[in-house]
Amino acid sequence: MYGLTLEQVRVIRSVRACMICASTVSGFESGIFAVDHCHDSGVVRGILCQRCNFLLGNARDDVDVLLSAIKYLVKDHMAEPWNQGKSRPEEVAERRERRFAARLERTENSLAAAELRVKELEAVLAEVAEDTASAARRRAKDADAVERFISELISTAPPGSSRISVSALRTVWADWAGGAPCPVQSLHESLHRLGGILRRSSTGRHWEGIALRSIPRGSPEG
């Protein structure tokens, strides 16, 4: 490439930014920066992004053209005769004001959208907090009911004592709670802590290690 050795190509390809505008984006579809060289001497000058490469190409590498372009850009163009008169400065001012007003409107719209989103998120968080509080209150209520149920109707039993079927336990709960739903998970956890063991047999599930102080008539026993 342009008379460079493989090692020299590696060195110039290691540069990661345009050597004119310092952009780290090449602008080419390949994503690779252009290797720039002097068409007269053949000297490789560096790497350029697409825009700067086109800039030099369109200026035909003419330094005078590029210097003239710089002078043109930094010149006070308001001093030109076509920009003189009362209407031109007013038009420029109005244009700036319109741009500012449009930018301000976009900013206000963005803020309004952000505030709406914040309110929506606050509503969601409030619902989550209420659901969490409701669940906590329900768990506390269940735990209190289970504690009273166990203290009134259940005691530990020595190994080898009669088993208590799950259906019998639920029947006792329904009778004790007046038909209120049984918090099965909380009851099972409390019975396990009490020393009970839940087992499964051919006749169904039953508890060992606990005893019921009273079983309603007709309730099955294991």
Protein backbone atom coordinates (compact mmCIF):
# COMPACT_ATOMS: atom_id res chain seq x y z
CA MET A 1 0.00 0.00 0.00
CA TYR A 2 1.57 3.24 -1.27
CA GLY A 3 5.02 1.62 -0.95
CA LEU A 4 4.66 0.95 2.78
CA THR A 5 5.98 -2.20 4.37
CA LEU A 6 3.63 -4.52 6.26
CA GLU A 7 4.98 -3.22 9.57
CA GLN A 8 4.48 0.41 8.47
CA VAL A 9 0.89 -0.40 7.46
CA ARG A 10 0.33 -1.89 10.91
CA VAL A 11 1.71 1.28 12.52
CA ILE A 12 -0.55 3.64 10.57
CA ARG A 13 -3.58 1.37 11.05
CA SER A 14 -2.99 1.54 14.81
CA VAL A 15 -4.06 5.20 14.75
CA ARG A 16 -7.69 5.24 15.95
CA ALA A 17 -8.82 8.79 15.09
CA CYS A 18 -8.93 11.14 12.11
CA MET A 19 -5.76 13.23 12.03
CA ILE A 20 -7.71 16.37 11.05
CA CYS A 21 -10.93 16.39 13.09
CA ALA A 22 -9.95 13.72 15.67
CA SER A 23 -13.19 11.78 15.04
CA THR A 24 -13.04 8.14 16.12
CA VAL A 25 -15.73 7.22 13.54
CA SER A 26 -14.38 6.66 10.05
CA GLY A 27 -17.66 7.30 8.19
CA PHE A 28 -16.86 4.58 5.66
CA GLU A 29 -19.05 1.47 5.40
CA SER A 30 -16.01 -0.68 6.13
CA GLY A 31 -15.40 1.20 9.36
CA ILE A 32 -11.74 1.67 8.35
CA PHE A 33 -10.12 5.09 8.06
CA ALA A 34 -8.73 6.21 4.71
CA VAL A 35 -4.94 6.23 4.28
CA ASP A 36 -4.17 9.71 2.92
CA HIS A 37 -1.17 10.41 0.70
CA CYS A 38 0.18 13.27 -1.38
CA HIS A 39 -0.64 12.72 -5.06
CA ASP A 40 2.47 14.62 -6.12
CA SER A 41 5.17 13.15 -3.87
CA GLY A 42 3.45 9.89 -2.92
CA VAL A 43 4.24 10.53 0.77
CA VAL A 44 1.71 8.96 3.12
CA ARG A 45 0.41 11.73 5.36
CA GLY A 46 -1.83 9.86 7.80
CA ILE A 47 -5.37 8.56 8.19
CA LEU A 48 -8.60 10.51 7.65
CA CYS A 49 -12.29 10.02 8.18
CA GLN A 50 -14.58 10.10 5.17
CA ARG A 51 -15.55 13.77 5.55
CA CYS A 52 -12.00 15.06 5.93
CA ASN A 53 -10.82 12.83 3.10
CA PHE A 54 -13.51 14.34 0.86
CA LEU A 55 -12.58 17.79 2.15
CA LEU A 56 -9.02 17.48 0.86
CA GLY A 57 -10.17 15.82 -2.33
CA ASN A 58 -12.72 18.53 -3.10
CA ALA A 59 -10.10 21.19 -2.36
CA ARG A 60 -7.68 19.31 -4.66
CA ASP A 61 -5.08 19.39 -1.85
CA ASP A 62 -4.68 23.10 -2.60
CA VAL A 63 -3.44 24.85 0.54
CA ASP A 64 -4.47 28.26 -0.80
CA VAL A 65 -8.05 27.01 -1.28
CA LEU A 66 -8.16 25.63 2.24
CA LEU A 67 -6.69 28.82 3.76
CA SER A 68 -9.19 30.85 1.80
CA ALA A 69 -11.99 28.66 3.15
CA ILE A 70 -10.79 29.32 6.70
CA LYS A 71 -10.71 33.07 6.10
CA TYR A 72 -14.18 32.81 4.60
CA LEU A 73 -15.54 31.00 7.67
CA VAL A 74 -14.08 33.37 10.27
CA LYS A 75 -15.10 36.51 8.42
CA ASP A 76 -17.89 38.67 9.86
CA HIS A 77 -20.50 38.13 7.18
CA MET A 78 -22.91 40.57 8.80
CA ALA A 79 -20.67 43.28 7.33
CA GLU A 80 -21.52 42.16 3.80
CA PRO A 81 -23.74 44.61 1.89
CA TRP A 82 -26.51 42.01 1.41
CA ASN A 83 -26.80 41.67 5.18
CA GLN A 84 -27.15 45.40 5.78
CA GLY A 85 -30.31 47.32 6.51
CA LYS A 86 -32.90 47.18 9.23
CA SER A 87 -34.77 44.09 8.09
CA ARG A 88 -31.79 41.71 7.97
CA PRO A 89 -30.68 41.96 11.65
CA GLU A 90 -34.31 41.73 12.74
CA GLU A 91 -34.81 38.63 10.62
CA VAL A 92 -31.69 37.04 12.07
CA ALA A 93 -32.84 37.88 15.59
CA GLU A 94 -36.31 36.50 14.91
CA ARG A 95 -34.85 33.33 13.47
CA ARG A 96 -32.70 32.85 16.55
CA GLU A 97 -35.71 33.51 18.76
CA ARG A 98 -37.78 30.96 16.85
CA ARG A 99 -35.03 28.37 17.20
CA PHE A 100 -34.77 29.11 20.90
CA ALA A 101 -38.57 28.91 21.32
CA ALA A 102 -38.68 25.60 19.45
CA ARG A 103 -35.84 24.22 21.57
CA LEU A 104 -37.59 25.44 24.73
CA GLU A 105 -40.86 23.82 23.63
CA ARG A 106 -39.11 20.50 22.98
CA THR A 107 -37.49 20.71 26.39
CA GLU A 108 -40.81 21.46 28.09
CA ASN A 109 -42.47 18.56 26.25
CA SER A 110 -39.67 16.26 27.34
CA LEU A 111 -40.04 17.43 30.94
CA ALA A 112 -43.82 16.96 30.81
CA ALA A 113 -43.37 13.44 29.45
CA ALA A 114 -40.80 12.70 32.14
CA GLU A 115 -43.10 14.02 34.87
CA LEU A 116 -45.96 11.88 33.52
CA ARG A 117 -43.69 8.85 33.53
CA VAL A 118 -42.62 9.60 37.09
CA LYS A 119 -46.27 9.81 38.18
CA GLU A 120 -47.00 6.50 36.46
CA LEU A 121 -44.04 4.89 38.21
CA GLU A 122 -45.12 6.38 41.55
CA ALA A 123 -48.60 4.88 41.03
CA VAL A 124 -47.08 1.49 40.25
CA LEU A 125 -44.83 1.71 43.32
CA ALA A 126 -47.83 2.67 45.47
CA GLU A 127 -49.72 -0.39 44.18
CA VAL A 128 -46.73 -2.61 44.86
CA ALA A 129 -46.35 -1.14 48.34
CA GLU A 130 -50.05 -1.70 49.06
CA ASP A 131 -49.88 -5.27 47.76
CA THR A 132 -46.79 -5.88 49.88
CA ALA A 133 -48.44 -4.37 52.96
CA SER A 134 -51.62 -6.39 52.35
CA ALA A 135 -49.60 -9.57 51.98
CA ALA A 136 -47.68 -8.75 55.16
CA ARG A 137 -50.93 -8.09 57.05
CA ARG A 138 -52.40 -11.32 55.72
CA ARG A 139 -49.30 -13.30 56.75
CA ALA A 140 -49.39 -11.73 60.21
CA LYS A 141 -53.08 -12.55 60.55
CA ASP A 142 -52.49 -16.12 59.35
CA ALA A 143 -49.55 -16.54 61.72
CA ASP A 144 -51.65 -15.30 64.64
CA ALA A 145 -54.52 -17.67 63.75
CA VAL A 146 -52.15 -20.63 63.36
CA GLU A 147 -50.48 -19.84 66.69
CA ARG A 148 -53.85 -19.75 68.48
CA PHE A 149 -55.02 -22.91 66.72
CA ILE A 150 -51.92 -24.84 67.75
CA SER A 151 -51.98 -23.54 71.32
CA GLU A 152 -55.64 -24.57 71.72
CA LEU A 153 -55.86 -27.88 69.84
CA ILE A 154 -52.42 -29.34 69.07
CA SER A 155 -49.64 -30.78 71.23
CA THR A 156 -46.55 -32.82 70.59
CA ALA A 157 -46.83 -36.61 70.67
CA PRO A 158 -44.22 -39.29 71.41
CA PRO A 159 -42.94 -41.55 68.63
CA GLY A 160 -45.29 -44.40 67.80
CA SER A 161 -48.44 -42.49 68.68
CA SER A 162 -51.42 -42.35 66.38
CA ARG A 163 -50.97 -40.57 63.13
CA ILE A 164 -53.13 -37.57 62.24
CA SER A 165 -54.35 -37.50 58.66
CA VAL A 166 -54.21 -34.24 56.74
CA SER A 167 -57.94 -34.43 56.10
CA ALA A 168 -58.60 -34.75 59.85
CA LEU A 169 -56.40 -31.74 60.53
CA ARG A 170 -58.24 -29.67 57.94
CA THR A 171 -61.60 -30.75 59.36
CA VAL A 172 -60.53 -29.61 62.83
CA TRP A 173 -59.31 -26.30 61.40
CA ALA A 174 -62.60 -25.71 59.55
CA ASP A 175 -64.57 -26.43 62.70
CA TRP A 176 -62.29 -24.26 64.85
CA ALA A 177 -62.07 -21.37 62.35
CA GLY A 178 -65.77 -21.37 61.51
CA GLY A 179 -65.10 -22.20 57.88
CA ALA A 180 -62.27 -19.67 57.34
CA PRO A 181 -59.68 -20.85 54.76
CA CYS A 182 -56.71 -22.68 56.22
CA PRO A 183 -53.31 -21.01 55.62
CA VAL A 184 -51.81 -24.38 54.69
CA GLN A 185 -48.20 -23.21 54.22
CA SER A 186 -48.10 -21.32 57.54
CA LEU A 187 -49.74 -24.25 59.38
CA HIS A 188 -47.32 -26.78 57.91
CA GLU A 189 -44.30 -24.64 58.79
CA SER A 190 -45.54 -24.24 62.39
CA LEU A 191 -46.21 -27.97 62.74
CA HIS A 192 -42.74 -28.76 61.45
CA ARG A 193 -41.24 -26.38 64.03
CA LEU A 194 -43.33 -28.11 66.69
CA GLY A 195 -41.70 -31.40 65.76
CA GLY A 196 -44.32 -32.82 63.43
CA ILE A 197 -43.37 -34.85 60.34
CA LEU A 198 -45.54 -34.91 57.25
CA ARG A 199 -45.48 -38.28 55.50
CA ARG A 200 -47.24 -39.92 52.59
CA SER A 201 -48.59 -43.48 52.55
CA SER A 202 -50.91 -45.59 50.41
CA THR A 203 -53.85 -44.19 52.38
CA GLY A 204 -52.88 -40.57 51.91
CA ARG A 205 -50.84 -37.90 53.70
CA HIS A 206 -50.58 -37.83 57.48
CA TRP A 207 -48.72 -36.18 60.34
CA GLU A 208 -46.56 -37.91 62.90
CA GLY A 209 -45.29 -36.46 66.18
CA ILE A 210 -48.33 -34.30 66.90
CA ALA A 211 -51.65 -34.96 68.63
CA LEU A 212 -55.05 -33.34 68.38
CA ARG A 213 -56.67 -32.52 71.71
CA SER A 214 -60.10 -32.93 70.16
CA ILE A 215 -61.38 -34.29 66.87
CA PRO A 216 -64.91 -33.57 65.71
CA ARG A 217 -67.15 -36.59 65.50
CA GLY A 218 -66.86 -38.34 62.17
CA SER A 219 -63.42 -36.93 61.39
CA PRO A 220 -61.00 -39.63 60.12
CA GLU A 221 -57.99 -40.69 62.13
CA GLY A 222 -54.85 -42.15 60.61
